[in-house]
Amino acid sequence: YDEKGTGMHTISIHDKYFEALKTFGDADELVNIAVQKFLVEQMVERIHTLREQVRAWEEAFGEPFDSFLKRTETDEKFARKLDKTHPMWEGELINWKFYHEELQEWLKKLQHTLTI
């Protein structure tokens, strides 16, 4: 850890990249900026994919995950109706929950990465 209590790691880069980086400023800072940009791009892509899947379930069931989950847990008539209209709803709910939680986790990771 450095003096700020931040975990730091050493990585190796080719000399040609290091020399080129130095022409634009502090190489360490520039590498961190480049890594952050890469991570943000990857995270945004993952979030987009997860959102598309979650949105498909929201459209299929007509409401967001949290309200759907609550209704299935508290409204027996609603659950019985689902048994008729969407016989596989319980399996879909398990998958939807996984994607919903995964999406929330990636949103937190993105927020953390942007505040570093």
Protein backbone atom coordinates (compact mmCIF):
# COMPACT_ATOMS: atom_id res chain seq x y z
CA TYR A 1 0.00 0.00 0.00
CA ASP A 2 1.14 3.53 -0.66
CA GLU A 3 1.07 6.44 1.79
CA LYS A 4 -2.65 6.98 1.11
CA GLY A 5 -3.45 3.38 1.97
CA THR A 6 -4.16 2.60 -1.67
CA GLY A 7 -3.12 -0.79 -3.00
CA MET A 8 -0.59 -0.44 -5.78
CA HIS A 9 0.78 -3.04 -8.14
CA THR A 10 3.68 -3.00 -10.54
CA ILE A 11 3.12 -3.94 -14.15
CA SER A 12 5.53 -4.16 -17.03
CA ILE A 13 5.10 -2.31 -20.29
CA HIS A 14 7.31 -2.30 -23.35
CA ASP A 15 10.06 0.33 -23.38
CA LYS A 16 8.70 1.84 -26.59
CA TYR A 17 5.34 2.50 -24.91
CA PHE A 18 6.97 3.89 -21.79
CA GLU A 19 9.12 6.29 -23.82
CA ALA A 20 6.13 7.45 -25.82
CA LEU A 21 4.06 7.92 -22.65
CA LYS A 22 6.71 10.13 -21.09
CA THR A 23 6.32 12.60 -23.96
CA PHE A 24 2.72 13.21 -22.79
CA GLY A 25 3.39 13.55 -19.08
CA ASP A 26 3.78 11.34 -16.04
CA ALA A 27 3.81 7.76 -17.34
CA ASP A 28 2.33 6.27 -14.16
CA GLU A 29 -0.58 8.70 -14.20
CA LEU A 30 -1.20 8.16 -17.90
CA VAL A 31 -1.19 4.38 -17.50
CA ASN A 32 -3.73 4.65 -14.69
CA ILE A 33 -5.93 6.88 -16.85
CA ALA A 34 -5.67 4.43 -19.74
CA VAL A 35 -6.54 1.48 -17.50
CA GLN A 36 -9.49 3.37 -16.05
CA LYS A 37 -10.78 4.22 -19.54
CA PHE A 38 -10.43 0.59 -20.60
CA LEU A 39 -12.26 -0.64 -17.51
CA VAL A 40 -15.06 1.88 -17.96
CA GLU A 41 -15.52 0.81 -21.60
CA GLN A 42 -15.65 -2.86 -20.63
CA MET A 43 -18.00 -2.22 -17.72
CA VAL A 44 -20.36 -0.10 -19.82
CA GLU A 45 -20.51 -2.87 -22.41
CA ARG A 46 -21.29 -5.48 -19.73
CA ILE A 47 -23.91 -3.20 -18.14
CA HIS A 48 -25.53 -2.62 -21.52
CA THR A 49 -25.82 -6.37 -22.13
CA LEU A 50 -27.25 -6.99 -18.66
CA ARG A 51 -29.72 -4.10 -19.02
CA GLU A 52 -30.98 -5.49 -22.31
CA GLN A 53 -31.70 -8.84 -20.69
CA VAL A 54 -33.33 -7.29 -17.63
CA ARG A 55 -35.41 -5.04 -19.89
CA ALA A 56 -36.66 -8.10 -21.79
CA TRP A 57 -38.03 -9.60 -18.56
CA GLU A 58 -39.50 -6.25 -17.53
CA GLU A 59 -41.33 -6.10 -20.85
CA ALA A 60 -42.45 -9.72 -20.65
CA PHE A 61 -43.83 -9.34 -17.12
CA GLY A 62 -44.86 -5.69 -17.38
CA GLU A 63 -42.95 -4.28 -14.42
CA PRO A 64 -39.51 -3.85 -12.85
CA PHE A 65 -37.88 -6.75 -10.99
CA ASP A 66 -38.35 -5.44 -7.45
CA SER A 67 -42.09 -4.87 -7.78
CA PHE A 68 -42.57 -8.18 -9.61
CA LEU A 69 -40.69 -10.06 -6.90
CA LYS A 70 -42.71 -8.38 -4.17
CA ARG A 71 -46.00 -9.19 -5.91
CA THR A 72 -45.06 -12.85 -6.35
CA GLU A 73 -44.18 -13.06 -2.67
CA THR A 74 -47.21 -11.23 -1.30
CA ASP A 75 -50.06 -11.68 -3.80
CA GLU A 76 -51.20 -15.29 -4.09
CA LYS A 77 -53.79 -14.45 -6.76
CA PHE A 78 -51.11 -12.82 -8.87
CA ALA A 79 -48.86 -15.89 -8.52
CA ARG A 80 -51.71 -18.24 -9.49
CA LYS A 81 -52.50 -16.09 -12.52
CA LEU A 82 -48.85 -16.25 -13.53
CA ASP A 83 -48.99 -20.04 -13.32
CA LYS A 84 -51.54 -19.88 -16.14
CA THR A 85 -50.14 -17.05 -18.24
CA HIS A 86 -46.41 -17.78 -17.76
CA PRO A 87 -46.07 -21.39 -16.57
CA MET A 88 -42.27 -21.08 -16.35
CA TRP A 89 -42.33 -17.81 -14.40
CA GLU A 90 -40.50 -19.21 -11.37
CA GLY A 91 -37.54 -20.29 -13.48
CA GLU A 92 -37.62 -16.98 -15.30
CA LEU A 93 -37.64 -15.19 -11.94
CA ILE A 94 -34.49 -17.03 -10.85
CA ASN A 95 -32.69 -15.97 -14.03
CA TRP A 96 -34.09 -12.45 -13.86
CA LYS A 97 -32.91 -12.13 -10.25
CA PHE A 98 -29.40 -13.25 -11.22
CA TYR A 99 -29.20 -10.69 -14.04
CA HIS A 100 -30.76 -7.98 -11.90
CA GLU A 101 -28.23 -8.54 -9.09
CA GLU A 102 -25.37 -8.81 -11.56
CA LEU A 103 -26.44 -5.50 -13.11
CA GLN A 104 -26.53 -3.81 -9.70
CA GLU A 105 -23.06 -5.17 -8.91
CA TRP A 106 -21.58 -3.90 -12.18
CA LEU A 107 -23.18 -0.48 -11.66
CA LYS A 108 -21.45 -0.32 -8.25
CA LYS A 109 -18.13 -1.39 -9.79
CA LEU A 110 -18.49 1.29 -12.47
CA GLN A 111 -19.27 3.95 -9.88
CA HIS A 112 -16.25 2.87 -7.82
CA THR A 113 -14.00 2.93 -10.89
CA LEU A 114 -15.17 6.42 -11.81
CA THR A 115 -14.47 7.76 -8.32
CA ILE A 116 -10.93 6.37 -8.05
